[in-house]
Amino acid sequence: MRLRNKPWAVSLVKQHPESVLDRPDPQNTINWADRFADDTKPLEIEIGSGKGQFITTLAEQHPEKNFVAVELQISAAGMILRSKLAKNLNNLQILCADAANIDCYFALDSADVLYLNFSDPWPKSRHEKRRLTYKSFLQKYQKIITPHGHLEFKTDNARLFAYSVQSMNNYGMNFDFVSVDLHNEVHEIIANNIETEYEHKFAAKGNPIYALHADFGVK
C-alpha cells in the first residue's frame, strides 16, 4: 500500500546516511559490518517495513540482534528513520531499495530470519511474479537465509496466503507453524507477536490474520 508523500522524508533521509542506504547500486556489495555498532550480533531482515512499527519495536525489544528494514518508498523510509532516531536504535539500519535485488544487498547465509508482513497481494494473474512469495523471490531468500534460519509471513489476504503456502510447498520448504487465525491461537508465537500498523487495524475489525513460519531445510 502506497503511503502519502511526506515532503520532509527526503530531507531527513539525506541528513542521515549513517542510518539509511538510499537506493544503492546493487552491483556494489554492502558492508553491513561497517554499519552496525556491533557486527557480531545475529541479523534479521524485514522486507516491506511500511511505517516501521513492527521492525522498530522488534529492534527495541531485542538489542542483542541487528535488524535491517527494507522499504521501497522514501516516505516510509523517512518514517522508520524518525522512529529509529527517537528510540536511539543503534541495531537498526534502513535500506531504501527494491526487494527484487535483495540477494545483491546481503551476503550468502547472512540472515537468521526474514520477515514478510502484509505484503502487496498483487491479485492480478499477470502480476504473479511481483508477489514476494513467488518462486524467484524464494530463491533469493534461500541464498541469504542461514542454514538454520527461517522465513516468517503474515497477511490479512486469504488468497495471497493460500498462494504463498502453495508456492513455498512447491519450492520444497518446510512449514514450522501455520495459522489461519493468528490472534485466536493458543501458542507461544501469538504471545510474542508484534503487530504491524495494518495488522492492528485489520484485527480490530475482526478480520483473521494468516501467518506461517517456514524454512528451506539443510542446504
Protein backbone atom coordinates (compact mmCIF):
# COMPACT_ATOMS: atom_id res chain seq x y z
CA MET A 1 0.00 0.00 0.00
CA ARG A 2 1.42 3.33 -1.07
CA LEU A 3 1.77 5.97 1.64
CA ARG A 4 1.00 9.63 1.17
CA ASN A 5 4.02 11.66 0.18
CA LYS A 6 5.93 13.07 3.15
CA PRO A 7 7.87 16.14 1.90
CA TRP A 8 10.15 16.06 4.95
CA ALA A 9 11.19 12.44 4.43
CA VAL A 10 13.67 13.04 1.60
CA SER A 11 15.49 15.72 3.56
CA LEU A 12 15.63 13.61 6.73
CA VAL A 13 16.97 10.59 4.87
CA LYS A 14 19.68 12.70 3.22
CA GLN A 15 20.72 14.01 6.64
CA HIS A 16 21.34 10.50 7.98
CA PRO A 17 23.38 8.43 5.52
CA GLU A 18 24.78 6.54 8.53
CA SER A 19 21.31 5.07 9.11
CA VAL A 20 19.80 4.84 5.63
CA LEU A 21 21.11 3.46 2.37
CA ASP A 22 19.03 5.19 -0.30
CA ARG A 23 18.79 3.10 -3.47
CA PRO A 24 22.36 1.79 -3.50
CA ASP A 25 23.78 0.28 -6.68
CA PRO A 26 23.02 -3.48 -6.50
CA GLN A 27 26.33 -4.10 -8.26
CA ASN A 28 28.23 -2.81 -5.22
CA THR A 29 28.46 -5.05 -2.18
CA ILE A 30 27.19 -3.50 1.06
CA ASN A 31 29.50 -3.96 4.03
CA TRP A 32 26.91 -4.30 6.79
CA ALA A 33 29.64 -4.86 9.39
CA ASP A 34 30.63 -1.21 8.97
CA ARG A 35 27.06 -0.01 9.51
CA PHE A 36 26.36 -1.62 12.88
CA ALA A 37 27.97 -0.74 16.19
CA ASP A 38 28.38 -4.46 16.89
CA ASP A 39 28.52 -6.65 13.78
CA THR A 40 28.76 -9.91 15.77
CA LYS A 41 25.03 -9.92 16.51
CA PRO A 42 22.62 -12.13 14.53
CA LEU A 43 20.94 -10.34 11.62
CA GLU A 44 17.20 -10.22 10.84
CA ILE A 45 15.55 -8.55 7.83
CA GLU A 46 12.05 -7.24 7.18
CA ILE A 47 11.03 -6.69 3.56
CA GLY A 48 8.34 -4.04 3.17
CA SER A 49 8.51 -2.34 6.56
CA GLY A 50 5.85 0.30 5.90
CA LYS A 51 5.73 2.89 8.67
CA GLY A 52 8.08 0.74 10.77
CA GLN A 53 6.03 -0.15 13.84
CA PHE A 54 6.98 -3.83 13.62
CA ILE A 55 10.70 -3.52 12.93
CA THR A 56 11.38 -0.66 15.37
CA THR A 57 9.53 -2.47 18.16
CA LEU A 58 11.43 -5.65 17.39
CA ALA A 59 14.76 -3.82 17.43
CA GLU A 60 13.85 -2.10 20.69
CA GLN A 61 12.90 -5.40 22.35
CA HIS A 62 15.98 -7.26 21.08
CA PRO A 63 19.15 -5.18 21.48
CA GLU A 64 21.11 -8.44 21.21
CA LYS A 65 20.29 -8.60 17.48
CA ASN A 66 20.78 -6.42 14.40
CA PHE A 67 17.95 -5.57 12.02
CA VAL A 68 17.53 -4.17 8.51
CA ALA A 69 14.26 -2.62 7.32
CA VAL A 70 13.92 -2.90 3.54
CA GLU A 71 11.42 -0.41 2.14
CA LEU A 72 11.00 0.93 -1.40
CA GLN A 73 9.07 4.11 -0.58
CA ILE A 74 11.15 7.06 0.58
CA SER A 75 8.26 8.42 2.68
CA ALA A 76 8.08 5.11 4.56
CA ALA A 77 11.85 5.03 4.99
CA GLY A 78 11.66 8.52 6.49
CA MET A 79 9.01 7.44 8.98
CA ILE A 80 11.08 4.42 10.04
CA LEU A 81 14.13 6.64 10.40
CA ARG A 82 12.25 9.13 12.56
CA SER A 83 11.22 6.33 14.91
CA LYS A 84 14.73 4.86 14.91
CA LEU A 85 16.25 8.19 15.92
CA ALA A 86 13.64 8.79 18.62
CA LYS A 87 14.32 5.38 20.15
CA ASN A 88 18.09 5.56 19.57
CA LEU A 89 18.16 2.17 17.87
CA ASN A 90 21.79 1.54 17.01
CA ASN A 91 20.90 -2.01 15.99
CA LEU A 92 18.61 -0.95 13.12
CA GLN A 93 19.58 0.02 9.59
CA ILE A 94 17.24 1.07 6.77
CA LEU A 95 17.66 0.02 3.16
CA CYS A 96 15.54 2.02 0.73
CA ALA A 97 15.60 -0.28 -2.27
CA ASP A 98 13.72 -2.75 -4.47
CA ALA A 99 13.35 -6.19 -2.86
CA ALA A 100 13.91 -7.74 -6.28
CA ASN A 101 17.62 -7.11 -5.66
CA ILE A 102 17.61 -8.48 -2.11
CA ASP A 103 20.25 -11.13 -2.82
CA CYS A 104 22.59 -8.43 -4.16
CA TYR A 105 22.44 -6.45 -0.93
CA PHE A 106 23.14 -9.28 1.52
CA ALA A 107 25.81 -11.95 1.62
CA LEU A 108 25.12 -15.67 1.39
CA ASP A 109 23.85 -17.19 4.65
CA SER A 110 23.82 -13.82 6.43
CA ALA A 111 20.29 -13.53 7.88
CA ASP A 112 18.73 -15.69 10.58
CA VAL A 113 15.16 -14.53 10.00
CA LEU A 114 13.41 -12.81 7.10
CA TYR A 115 10.01 -11.18 7.74
CA LEU A 116 7.30 -10.56 5.15
CA ASN A 117 4.47 -8.62 6.78
CA PHE A 118 1.29 -7.67 4.89
CA SER A 119 2.98 -7.63 1.50
CA ASP A 120 1.20 -6.25 -1.56
CA PRO A 121 -1.01 -9.15 -2.79
CA TRP A 122 -0.70 -8.23 -6.49
CA PRO A 123 -4.05 -10.00 -7.14
CA LYS A 124 -3.98 -9.99 -10.95
CA SER A 125 -2.52 -13.12 -12.54
CA ARG A 126 -0.27 -11.13 -14.84
CA HIS A 127 1.43 -9.66 -11.75
CA GLU A 128 2.19 -13.02 -10.11
CA LYS A 129 5.95 -12.58 -10.48
CA ARG A 130 5.77 -9.42 -8.34
CA ARG A 131 4.42 -11.26 -5.29
CA LEU A 132 7.08 -11.53 -2.61
CA THR A 133 6.36 -15.25 -2.20
CA TYR A 134 6.79 -16.06 -5.90
CA LYS A 135 9.40 -18.72 -6.58
CA SER A 136 12.05 -16.30 -7.88
CA PHE A 137 11.87 -14.36 -4.60
CA LEU A 138 12.03 -17.58 -2.58
CA GLN A 139 15.21 -18.45 -4.45
CA LYS A 140 16.75 -15.13 -3.44
CA TYR A 141 15.70 -15.58 0.19
CA GLN A 142 17.21 -19.05 0.27
CA LYS A 143 20.57 -17.56 -0.66
CA ILE A 144 20.70 -15.06 2.18
CA ILE A 145 18.99 -17.02 4.98
CA THR A 146 21.34 -19.13 7.11
CA PRO A 147 21.01 -22.95 7.01
CA HIS A 148 19.19 -22.89 10.36
CA GLY A 149 17.24 -19.69 9.68
CA HIS A 150 13.64 -19.24 8.58
CA LEU A 151 11.04 -17.00 6.96
CA GLU A 152 8.02 -15.51 8.77
CA PHE A 153 4.99 -14.35 6.79
CA LYS A 154 1.80 -12.56 7.88
CA THR A 155 -1.13 -11.25 5.86
CA ASP A 156 -4.84 -10.48 6.06
CA ASN A 157 -5.33 -11.59 2.45
CA ALA A 158 -6.67 -15.16 2.25
CA ARG A 159 -5.85 -15.56 -1.45
CA LEU A 160 -2.28 -14.38 -1.01
CA PHE A 161 -1.86 -16.71 1.95
CA ALA A 162 -3.18 -19.72 0.01
CA TYR A 163 -0.93 -18.79 -2.91
CA SER A 164 2.09 -18.41 -0.63
CA VAL A 165 1.53 -21.78 1.06
CA GLN A 166 1.34 -23.46 -2.34
CA SER A 167 4.35 -21.56 -3.69
CA MET A 168 6.50 -22.45 -0.67
CA ASN A 169 5.32 -26.06 -0.72
CA ASN A 170 6.15 -26.37 -4.42
CA TYR A 171 9.57 -24.91 -3.70
CA GLY A 172 10.17 -27.65 -1.11
CA MET A 173 10.09 -25.51 2.03
CA ASN A 174 9.24 -26.93 5.45
CA PHE A 175 6.39 -25.39 7.47
CA ASP A 176 7.17 -24.92 11.16
CA PHE A 177 3.98 -23.02 12.01
CA VAL A 178 0.78 -22.28 10.07
CA SER A 179 -2.28 -20.35 11.29
CA VAL A 180 -5.43 -19.10 9.57
CA ASP A 181 -6.46 -17.06 12.62
CA LEU A 182 -3.27 -15.99 14.39
CA HIS A 183 -4.86 -13.77 17.03
CA ASN A 184 -7.04 -16.59 18.31
CA GLU A 185 -4.21 -19.12 18.59
CA VAL A 186 -3.16 -20.54 21.94
CA HIS A 187 0.52 -20.65 21.12
CA GLU A 188 3.75 -19.03 22.26
CA ILE A 189 4.07 -17.36 18.86
CA ILE A 190 0.96 -15.22 19.37
CA ALA A 191 2.10 -14.47 22.92
CA ASN A 192 5.24 -12.89 21.44
CA ASN A 193 3.56 -11.44 18.35
CA ILE A 194 4.42 -7.87 17.39
CA GLU A 195 1.70 -6.19 15.37
CA THR A 196 2.24 -4.02 12.32
CA GLU A 197 0.10 -0.93 11.79
CA TYR A 198 -2.04 -2.78 9.24
CA GLU A 199 -2.34 -5.85 11.42
CA HIS A 200 -3.70 -3.81 14.31
CA LYS A 201 -6.26 -2.17 12.04
CA PHE A 202 -7.41 -5.38 10.38
CA ALA A 203 -7.54 -7.41 13.60
CA ALA A 204 -9.55 -4.67 15.34
CA LYS A 205 -12.21 -5.14 12.66
CA GLY A 206 -12.36 -8.85 13.47
CA ASN A 207 -10.53 -9.93 10.31
CA PRO A 208 -8.46 -13.11 10.64
CA ILE A 209 -4.69 -12.78 10.38
CA TYR A 210 -2.93 -15.53 8.45
CA ALA A 211 0.62 -16.48 9.40
CA LEU A 212 3.30 -19.04 8.75
CA HIS A 213 6.91 -19.80 9.59
CA ALA A 214 8.87 -21.84 7.06
CA ASP A 215 12.45 -22.88 6.42
CA PHE A 216 14.44 -24.15 3.46
CA GLY A 217 15.91 -27.16 5.20
CA VAL A 218 19.58 -28.08 5.16
CA LYS A 219 21.39 -26.56 2.19
